[in-house]
PDB file of N, CA and C in Angstrom:
ATOM      1  N   MET A   1      13.887 -32.744   0.577  1.00  0.00           N
ATOM      2  CA  MET A   1      12.861 -31.731   0.011  1.00  0.00           C
ATOM      3  C   MET A   1      12.682 -32.268  -1.575  1.00  0.00           C
ATOM      4  N   SER A   2      11.368 -31.960  -1.776  1.00  0.00           N
ATOM      5  CA  SER A   2      10.843 -32.435  -2.855  1.00  0.00           C
ATOM      6  C   SER A   2      10.473 -30.997  -3.903  1.00  0.00           C
ATOM      7  N   TYR A   3      10.954 -31.215  -5.075  1.00  0.00           N
ATOM      8  CA  TYR A   3      10.522 -30.059  -6.176  1.00  0.00           C
ATOM      9  C   TYR A   3       9.065 -30.318  -6.296  1.00  0.00           C
ATOM     10  N   LYS A   4       8.730 -31.585  -6.526  1.00  0.00           N
ATOM     11  CA  LYS A   4       7.291 -31.862  -6.839  1.00  0.00           C
ATOM     12  C   LYS A   4       6.271 -31.090  -5.620  1.00  0.00           C
ATOM     13  N   THR A   5       6.986 -31.301  -4.414  1.00  0.00           N
ATOM     14  CA  THR A   5       5.851 -30.942  -3.326  1.00  0.00           C
ATOM     15  C   THR A   5       5.868 -29.453  -3.362  1.00  0.00           C
ATOM     16  N   ILE A   6       7.674 -28.767  -3.614  1.00  0.00           N
ATOM     17  CA  ILE A   6       7.306 -27.392  -3.544  1.00  0.00           C
ATOM     18  C   ILE A   6       6.395 -26.470  -4.688  1.00  0.00           C
ATOM     19  N   ASP A   7       6.704 -27.589  -5.730  1.00  0.00           N
ATOM     20  CA  ASP A   7       5.719 -26.871  -7.131  1.00  0.00           C
ATOM     21  C   ASP A   7       4.210 -26.847  -6.381  1.00  0.00           C
ATOM     22  N   ALA A   8       3.594 -28.293  -5.697  1.00  0.00           N
ATOM     23  CA  ALA A   8       2.224 -28.086  -5.700  1.00  0.00           C
ATOM     24  C   ALA A   8       1.964 -26.992  -4.502  1.00  0.00           C
ATOM     25  N   SER A   9       2.507 -26.875  -3.652  1.00  0.00           N
ATOM     26  CA  SER A   9       2.489 -25.793  -2.620  1.00  0.00           C
ATOM     27  C   SER A   9       2.307 -24.687  -3.322  1.00  0.00           C
ATOM     28  N   SER A  10       3.093 -24.354  -4.176  1.00  0.00           N
ATOM     29  CA  SER A  10       3.251 -22.851  -5.057  1.00  0.00           C
ATOM     30  C   SER A  10       1.779 -22.553  -5.618  1.00  0.00           C
ATOM     31  N   LYS A  11       0.933 -23.831  -6.065  1.00  0.00           N
ATOM     32  CA  LYS A  11      -0.048 -23.695  -6.853  1.00  0.00           C
ATOM     33  C   LYS A  11      -1.375 -23.771  -6.113  1.00  0.00           C
ATOM     34  N   ASP A  12      -1.113 -23.696  -4.585  1.00  0.00           N
ATOM     35  CA  ASP A  12      -1.951 -24.078  -3.860  1.00  0.00           C
ATOM     36  C   ASP A  12      -2.741 -22.561  -3.727  1.00  0.00           C
ATOM     37  N   GLU A  13      -3.753 -22.313  -3.903  1.00  0.00           N
ATOM     38  CA  GLU A  13      -4.505 -20.803  -3.791  1.00  0.00           C
ATOM     39  C   GLU A  13      -4.444 -20.295  -2.353  1.00  0.00           C
ATOM     40  N   VAL A  14      -5.410 -21.256  -1.397  1.00  0.00           N
ATOM     41  CA  VAL A  14      -5.485 -21.131  -0.150  1.00  0.00           C
ATOM     42  C   VAL A  14      -4.153 -20.840   0.519  1.00  0.00           C
ATOM     43  N   LEU A  15      -2.805 -21.563   0.662  1.00  0.00           N
ATOM     44  CA  LEU A  15      -1.958 -21.202   1.031  1.00  0.00           C
ATOM     45  C   LEU A  15      -1.268 -19.891   0.515  1.00  0.00           C
ATOM     46  N   ASN A  16      -1.427 -19.764  -1.038  1.00  0.00           N
ATOM     47  CA  ASN A  16      -0.856 -18.377  -1.477  1.00  0.00           C
ATOM     48  C   ASN A  16      -1.740 -17.242  -0.504  1.00  0.00           C
ATOM     49  N   GLY A  17      -2.881 -17.135  -0.452  1.00  0.00           N
ATOM     50  CA  GLY A  17      -3.809 -16.277   0.294  1.00  0.00           C
ATOM     51  C   GLY A  17      -3.088 -16.124   1.576  1.00  0.00           C
ATOM     52  N   ARG A  18      -2.814 -17.234   2.250  1.00  0.00           N
ATOM     53  CA  ARG A  18      -2.501 -16.942   3.592  1.00  0.00           C
ATOM     54  C   ARG A  18      -1.230 -16.261   3.789  1.00  0.00           C
ATOM     55  N   ILE A  19      -0.030 -16.754   2.883  1.00  0.00           N
ATOM     56  CA  ILE A  19       1.028 -16.057   2.705  1.00  0.00           C
ATOM     57  C   ILE A  19       0.893 -14.690   2.429  1.00  0.00           C
ATOM     58  N   VAL A  20      -0.274 -14.122   1.210  1.00  0.00           N
ATOM     59  CA  VAL A  20      -0.321 -12.942   1.309  1.00  0.00           C
ATOM     60  C   VAL A  20      -0.716 -12.085   2.090  1.00  0.00           C
ATOM     61  N   ALA A  21      -1.831 -12.648   3.177  1.00  0.00           N
ATOM     62  CA  ALA A  21      -2.220 -12.144   4.162  1.00  0.00           C
ATOM     63  C   ALA A  21      -1.316 -11.863   5.382  1.00  0.00           C
ATOM     64  N   CYS A  22      -0.451 -13.031   5.530  1.00  0.00           N
ATOM     65  CA  CYS A  22       0.619 -12.693   6.125  1.00  0.00           C
ATOM     66  C   CYS A  22       1.594 -11.395   6.007  1.00  0.00           C
ATOM     67  N   CYS A  23       2.332 -11.372   4.733  1.00  0.00           N
ATOM     68  CA  CYS A  23       2.727 -10.131   4.369  1.00  0.00           C
ATOM     69  C   CYS A  23       2.282  -8.961   4.502  1.00  0.00           C
ATOM     70  N   MET A  24       1.070  -8.918   3.987  1.00  0.00           N
ATOM     71  CA  MET A  24       0.391  -7.665   4.493  1.00  0.00           C
ATOM     72  C   MET A  24      -0.028  -7.483   5.810  1.00  0.00           C
ATOM     73  N   GLN A  25      -0.272  -8.074   6.968  1.00  0.00           N
ATOM     74  CA  GLN A  25      -0.160  -7.846   8.274  1.00  0.00           C
ATOM     75  C   GLN A  25       1.022  -7.599   8.723  1.00  0.00           C
ATOM     76  N   GLU A  26       2.144  -7.899   8.073  1.00  0.00           N
ATOM     77  CA  GLU A  26       3.461  -7.520   8.630  1.00  0.00           C
ATOM     78  C   GLU A  26       3.447  -6.196   7.912  1.00  0.00           C
ATOM     79  N   HIS A  27       2.931  -5.485   7.111  1.00  0.00           N
ATOM     80  CA  HIS A  27       3.164  -4.345   6.780  1.00  0.00           C
ATOM     81  C   HIS A  27       4.064  -4.310   5.447  1.00  0.00           C
ATOM     82  N   HIS A  28       4.102  -5.558   4.496  1.00  0.00           N
ATOM     83  CA  HIS A  28       5.149  -5.900   3.543  1.00  0.00           C
ATOM     84  C   HIS A  28       4.119  -5.994   2.295  1.00  0.00           C
ATOM     85  N   GLU A  29       4.269  -5.645   1.076  1.00  0.00           N
ATOM     86  CA  GLU A  29       3.982  -5.862  -0.038  1.00  0.00           C
ATOM     87  C   GLU A  29       4.476  -7.349  -0.387  1.00  0.00           C
ATOM     88  N   PRO A  30       3.164  -8.461  -0.914  1.00  0.00           N
ATOM     89  CA  PRO A  30       3.868  -9.311  -1.040  1.00  0.00           C
ATOM     90  C   PRO A  30       4.546  -9.713  -2.409  1.00  0.00           C
ATOM     91  N   GLU A  31       5.987 -10.032  -2.098  1.00  0.00           N
ATOM     92  CA  GLU A  31       6.626 -10.394  -3.168  1.00  0.00           C
ATOM     93  C   GLU A  31       6.942 -11.874  -3.567  1.00  0.00           C
ATOM     94  N   THR A  32       7.177 -12.163  -4.711  1.00  0.00           N
ATOM     95  CA  THR A  32       7.154 -13.330  -5.515  1.00  0.00           C
ATOM     96  C   THR A  32       8.317 -14.225  -4.779  1.00  0.00           C
ATOM     97  N   ALA A  33       9.343 -13.619  -4.372  1.00  0.00           N
ATOM     98  CA  ALA A  33      10.730 -13.960  -3.652  1.00  0.00           C
ATOM     99  C   ALA A  33      10.100 -14.419  -2.060  1.00  0.00           C
ATOM    100  N   ALA A  34       9.438 -13.739  -1.566  1.00  0.00           N
ATOM    101  CA  ALA A  34       8.871 -13.875  -0.124  1.00  0.00           C
ATOM    102  C   ALA A  34       8.036 -15.036  -0.176  1.00  0.00           C
ATOM    103  N   MET A  35       7.039 -15.165  -1.309  1.00  0.00           N
ATOM    104  CA  MET A  35       5.980 -16.325  -1.271  1.00  0.00           C
ATOM    105  C   MET A  35       6.886 -17.817  -1.566  1.00  0.00           C
ATOM    106  N   TRP A  36       8.352 -17.647  -2.248  1.00  0.00           N
ATOM    107  CA  TRP A  36       8.836 -18.915  -2.524  1.00  0.00           C
ATOM    108  C   TRP A  36       9.769 -18.967  -1.326  1.00  0.00           C
ATOM    109  N   GLU A  37       9.968 -18.133  -0.467  1.00  0.00           N
ATOM    110  CA  GLU A  37      10.853 -18.368   0.805  1.00  0.00           C
ATOM    111  C   GLU A  37      10.120 -19.280   1.762  1.00  0.00           C
ATOM    112  N   VAL A  38       8.602 -18.902   1.760  1.00  0.00           N
ATOM    113  CA  VAL A  38       7.543 -20.117   2.303  1.00  0.00           C
ATOM    114  C   VAL A  38       7.919 -21.404   1.987  1.00  0.00           C
ATOM    115  N   TYR A  39       7.870 -21.516   0.437  1.00  0.00           N
ATOM    116  CA  TYR A  39       7.277 -22.401  -0.204  1.00  0.00           C
ATOM    117  C   TYR A  39       8.519 -23.460   0.084  1.00  0.00           C
ATOM    118  N   THR A  40       9.427 -22.912  -0.176  1.00  0.00           N
ATOM    119  CA  THR A  40      10.798 -23.806   0.010  1.00  0.00           C
ATOM    120  C   THR A  40      11.444 -24.035   1.394  1.00  0.00           C
ATOM    121  N   ALA A  41      11.031 -23.281   2.179  1.00  0.00           N
ATOM    122  CA  ALA A  41      11.184 -23.317   4.070  1.00  0.00           C
ATOM    123  C   ALA A  41      11.273 -24.726   4.106  1.00  0.00           C
ATOM    124  N   THR A  42      12.099 -25.510   4.813  1.00  0.00           N
ATOM    125  CA  THR A  42      12.364 -26.887   5.232  1.00  0.00           C
ATOM    126  C   THR A  42      10.944 -27.241   5.965  1.00  0.00           C
ATOM    127  N   ASP A  43      10.715 -26.673   7.085  1.00  0.00           N
ATOM    128  CA  ASP A  43       9.558 -27.087   7.755  1.00  0.00           C
ATOM    129  C   ASP A  43       8.227 -27.033   6.993  1.00  0.00           C
ATOM    130  N   VAL A  44       8.105 -26.061   6.292  1.00  0.00           N
ATOM    131  CA  VAL A  44       6.685 -25.822   5.370  1.00  0.00           C
ATOM    132  C   VAL A  44       6.756 -27.132   4.410  1.00  0.00           C
ATOM    133  N   GLU A  45       7.484 -27.095   3.552  1.00  0.00           N
ATOM    134  CA  GLU A  45       7.774 -28.491   2.455  1.00  0.00           C
ATOM    135  C   GLU A  45       7.840 -29.853   3.211  1.00  0.00           C
ATOM    136  N   ALA A  46       7.958 -30.172   4.691  1.00  0.00           N
ATOM    137  CA  ALA A  46       8.022 -31.252   4.945  1.00  0.00           C
ATOM    138  C   ALA A  46       6.654 -31.647   5.520  1.00  0.00           C
ATOM    139  N   ALA A  47       5.904 -30.328   6.230  1.00  0.00           N
ATOM    140  CA  ALA A  47       4.458 -30.547   6.507  1.00  0.00           C
ATOM    141  C   ALA A  47       3.720 -30.804   5.504  1.00  0.00           C
ATOM    142  N   TYR A  48       3.781 -30.117   4.215  1.00  0.00           N
ATOM    143  CA  TYR A  48       2.939 -30.055   3.098  1.00  0.00           C
ATOM    144  C   TYR A  48       3.320 -31.376   2.363  1.00  0.00           C
ATOM    145  N   ALA A  49       4.225 -32.158   2.195  1.00  0.00           N
ATOM    146  CA  ALA A  49       4.720 -33.381   1.970  1.00  0.00           C
ATOM    147  C   ALA A  49       4.039 -34.135   2.762  1.00  0.00           C
ATOM    148  N   SER A  50       4.176 -34.117   3.882  1.00  0.00           N
ATOM    149  CA  SER A  50       3.008 -35.350   4.810  1.00  0.00           C
ATOM    150  C   SER A  50       1.770 -35.271   4.557  1.00  0.00           C
ATOM    151  N   ALA A  51       1.298 -33.913   4.582  1.00  0.00           N
ATOM    152  CA  ALA A  51      -0.002 -34.028   4.236  1.00  0.00           C
ATOM    153  C   ALA A  51      -0.540 -34.579   3.059  1.00  0.00           C
ATOM    154  N   LEU A  52       0.246 -34.260   1.819  1.00  0.00           N
ATOM    155  CA  LEU A  52       0.026 -34.806   0.524  1.00  0.00           C
ATOM    156  C   LEU A  52       0.173 -36.585   0.719  1.00  0.00           C
ATOM    157  N   ALA A  53       0.823 -37.013   1.494  1.00  0.00           N
ATOM    158  CA  ALA A  53       1.157 -38.341   1.560  1.00  0.00           C
ATOM    159  C   ALA A  53       0.206 -38.921   2.850  1.00  0.00           C
ATOM    160  N   ALA A  54      -0.722 -38.314   3.388  1.00  0.00           N
ATOM    161  CA  ALA A  54      -1.917 -38.788   3.995  1.00  0.00           C
ATOM    162  C   ALA A  54      -3.004 -38.343   3.377  1.00  0.00           C
ATOM    163  N   GLU A  55      -2.909 -37.700   2.225  1.00  0.00           N
ATOM    164  CA  GLU A  55      -4.310 -37.607   1.281  1.00  0.00           C
ATOM    165  C   GLU A  55      -5.056 -36.586   1.775  1.00  0.00           C
ATOM    166  N   ASN A  56      -4.423 -35.622   2.446  1.00  0.00           N
ATOM    167  CA  ASN A  56      -5.196 -34.385   3.046  1.00  0.00           C
ATOM    168  C   ASN A  56      -5.598 -33.542   1.764  1.00  0.00           C
ATOM    169  N   PRO A  57      -7.261 -33.308   1.691  1.00  0.00           N
ATOM    170  CA  PRO A  57      -7.688 -33.007   0.576  1.00  0.00           C
ATOM    171  C   PRO A  57      -7.245 -31.090   0.710  1.00  0.00           C
ATOM    172  N   ASP A  58      -6.984 -30.625   1.440  1.00  0.00           N
ATOM    173  CA  ASP A  58      -6.573 -29.141   1.783  1.00  0.00           C
ATOM    174  C   ASP A  58      -5.497 -28.859   2.457  1.00  0.00           C
ATOM    175  N   PRO A  59      -3.989 -29.432   2.137  1.00  0.00           N
ATOM    176  CA  PRO A  59      -3.148 -29.011   3.061  1.00  0.00           C
ATOM    177  C   PRO A  59      -2.643 -27.770   3.016  1.00  0.00           C
ATOM    178  N   GLY A  60      -2.878 -26.780   2.388  1.00  0.00           N
ATOM    179  CA  GLY A  60      -2.736 -25.452   2.106  1.00  0.00           C
ATOM    180  C   GLY A  60      -3.411 -24.510   3.154  1.00  0.00           C
ATOM    181  N   GLY A  61      -4.977 -25.168   3.151  1.00  0.00           N
ATOM    182  CA  GLY A  61      -5.701 -24.387   3.838  1.00  0.00           C
ATOM    183  C   GLY A  61      -5.830 -25.044   5.664  1.00  0.00           C
ATOM    184  N   ASP A  62      -5.372 -26.240   5.659  1.00  0.00           N
ATOM    185  CA  ASP A  62      -5.386 -26.808   7.123  1.00  0.00           C
ATOM    186  C   ASP A  62      -4.210 -26.222   7.811  1.00  0.00           C
ATOM    187  N   GLU A  63      -4.878 -25.575   8.874  1.00  0.00           N
ATOM    188  CA  GLU A  63      -3.461 -24.737   9.629  1.00  0.00           C
ATOM    189  C   GLU A  63      -3.214 -25.643  10.687  1.00  0.00           C
ATOM    190  N   GLY A  64      -3.353 -27.056  10.635  1.00  0.00           N
ATOM    191  CA  GLY A  64      -2.658 -27.999  11.231  1.00  0.00           C
ATOM    192  C   GLY A  64      -1.415 -28.541  10.680  1.00  0.00           C
ATOM    193  N   VAL A  65      -1.637 -28.439   9.283  1.00  0.00           N
ATOM    194  CA  VAL A  65      -0.411 -28.693   8.436  1.00  0.00           C
ATOM    195  C   VAL A  65       0.691 -27.554   8.208  1.00  0.00           C
ATOM    196  N   VAL A  66       0.295 -26.462   7.715  1.00  0.00           N
ATOM    197  CA  VAL A  66       1.299 -25.584   7.754  1.00  0.00           C
ATOM    198  C   VAL A  66       0.228 -24.191   8.561  1.00  0.00           C
ATOM    199  N   THR A  67       1.044 -24.162   9.729  1.00  0.00           N
ATOM    200  CA  THR A  67       0.630 -23.224  10.546  1.00  0.00           C
ATOM    201  C   THR A  67       0.957 -21.818  10.286  1.00  0.00           C
ATOM    202  N   ASP A  68       0.284 -20.795  10.697  1.00  0.00           N
ATOM    203  CA  ASP A  68       0.187 -19.594  11.090  1.00  0.00           C
ATOM    204  C   ASP A  68       1.729 -19.127  11.197  1.00  0.00           C
ATOM    205  N   GLY A  69       2.422 -19.632  12.142  1.00  0.00           N
ATOM    206  CA  GLY A  69       3.294 -19.474  13.008  1.00  0.00           C
ATOM    207  C   GLY A  69       4.676 -19.957  11.780  1.00  0.00           C
ATOM    208  N   MET A  70       4.586 -20.970  11.241  1.00  0.00           N
ATOM    209  CA  MET A  70       5.372 -21.075   9.775  1.00  0.00           C
ATOM    210  C   MET A  70       5.510 -20.200   9.100  1.00  0.00           C
ATOM    211  N   ILE A  71       4.348 -19.673   8.745  1.00  0.00           N
ATOM    212  CA  ILE A  71       4.383 -18.813   7.538  1.00  0.00           C
ATOM    213  C   ILE A  71       4.876 -17.440   8.181  1.00  0.00           C
ATOM    214  N   LEU A  72       4.301 -17.150   9.086  1.00  0.00           N
ATOM    215  CA  LEU A  72       5.233 -15.958   9.755  1.00  0.00           C
ATOM    216  C   LEU A  72       6.763 -15.723   9.997  1.00  0.00           C
ATOM    217  N   ALA A  73       6.933 -16.867  10.425  1.00  0.00           N
ATOM    218  CA  ALA A  73       8.551 -16.872  10.718  1.00  0.00           C
ATOM    219  C   ALA A  73       9.114 -16.951   9.766  1.00  0.00           C
ATOM    220  N   ASN A  74       8.535 -17.514   8.433  1.00  0.00           N
ATOM    221  CA  ASN A  74       9.450 -17.589   7.157  1.00  0.00           C
ATOM    222  C   ASN A  74       9.504 -16.088   6.292  1.00  0.00           C
ATOM    223  N   VAL A  75       8.375 -15.747   6.380  1.00  0.00           N
ATOM    224  CA  VAL A  75       7.943 -14.141   5.988  1.00  0.00           C
ATOM    225  C   VAL A  75       8.858 -13.508   6.664  1.00  0.00           C
ATOM    226  N   GLN A  76       8.808 -13.228   8.023  1.00  0.00           N
ATOM    227  CA  GLN A  76       9.906 -12.236   8.699  1.00  0.00           C
ATOM    228  C   GLN A  76      11.114 -12.603   8.379  1.00  0.00           C
ATOM    229  N   GLU A  77      11.664 -13.807   8.356  1.00  0.00           N
ATOM    230  CA  GLU A  77      13.009 -14.364   7.850  1.00  0.00           C
ATOM    231  C   GLU A  77      13.081 -13.410   6.372  1.00  0.00           C
ATOM    232  N   PHE A  78      12.375 -13.651   5.687  1.00  0.00           N
ATOM    233  CA  PHE A  78      12.898 -13.130   4.337  1.00  0.00           C
ATOM    234  C   PHE A  78      12.867 -11.427   4.248  1.00  0.00           C
ATOM    235  N   PHE A  79      12.030 -11.026   5.288  1.00  0.00           N
ATOM    236  CA  PHE A  79      11.941  -9.257   4.829  1.00  0.00           C
ATOM    237  C   PHE A  79      13.058  -9.016   6.189  1.00  0.00           C
ATOM    238  N   ASN A  80      13.690  -9.607   7.146  1.00  0.00           N
ATOM    239  CA  ASN A  80      14.400  -9.270   8.104  1.00  0.00           C
ATOM    240  C   ASN A  80      15.906  -9.507   7.370  1.00  0.00           C
ATOM    241  N   THR A  81      16.055 -10.430   6.131  1.00  0.00           N
ATOM    242  CA  THR A  81      17.511 -10.665   5.689  1.00  0.00           C
ATOM    243  C   THR A  81      17.653 -10.062   4.323  1.00  0.00           C
ATOM    244  N   THR A  82      16.537 -10.057   3.627  1.00  0.00           N
ATOM    245  CA  THR A  82      16.506  -9.464   2.032  1.00  0.00           C
ATOM    246  C   THR A  82      16.474  -7.875   2.192  1.00  0.00           C
ATOM    247  N   PRO A  83      17.419  -7.325   1.536  1.00  0.00           N
ATOM    248  CA  PRO A  83      17.185  -5.704   1.518  1.00  0.00           C
ATOM    249  C   PRO A  83      15.815  -5.483   0.422  1.00  0.00           C
ATOM    250  N   PRO A  84      15.307  -4.586   0.767  1.00  0.00           N
ATOM    251  CA  PRO A  84      14.501  -3.761  -0.483  1.00  0.00           C
ATOM    252  C   PRO A  84      14.754  -4.052  -1.884  1.00  0.00           C
ATOM    253  N   LEU A  85      13.945  -4.275  -2.698  1.00  0.00           N
ATOM    254  CA  LEU A  85      14.297  -3.984  -4.139  1.00  0.00           C
ATOM    255  C   LEU A  85      14.584  -2.702  -4.550  1.00  0.00           C
ATOM    256  N   LEU A  86      13.658  -1.640  -3.881  1.00  0.00           N
ATOM    257  CA  LEU A  86      13.870  -0.110  -4.189  1.00  0.00           C
ATOM    258  C   LEU A  86      14.167   0.339  -2.812  1.00  0.00           C
ATOM    259  N   PRO A  87      14.794   1.561  -3.022  1.00  0.00           N
ATOM    260  CA  PRO A  87      15.234   2.326  -1.675  1.00  0.00           C
ATOM    261  C   PRO A  87      13.939   2.971  -1.250  1.00  0.00           C
ATOM    262  N   GLU A  88      13.642   3.107  -0.001  1.00  0.00           N
ATOM    263  CA  GLU A  88      12.359   3.638   0.292  1.00  0.00           C
ATOM    264  C   GLU A  88      12.740   5.346   0.177  1.00  0.00           C
ATOM    265  N   THR A  89      11.472   6.097   0.120  1.00  0.00           N
ATOM    266  CA  THR A  89      11.527   7.426  -0.106  1.00  0.00           C
ATOM    267  C   THR A  89      11.279   7.991   0.911  1.00  0.00           C
TER     268      THR A  89
END
């Protein structure tokens, strides 16, 4: 796992948009911690690193690199294992 790759993916606007869309579709407000759950996931980081090494110009937007399934699985993992920051009213 590379901090450089994680940093690069966290600055990828298209990937960020895809994560936000996933959170919203799953009926969750996008949280910074959820975003980082995706960036630091082993499968996402490895795929992103591979795409960078292959000089892919849009690794975060290329659904063959970071798949919707990868994003969804990591977002669900976050929200299923992390208690909400505020209690529901």
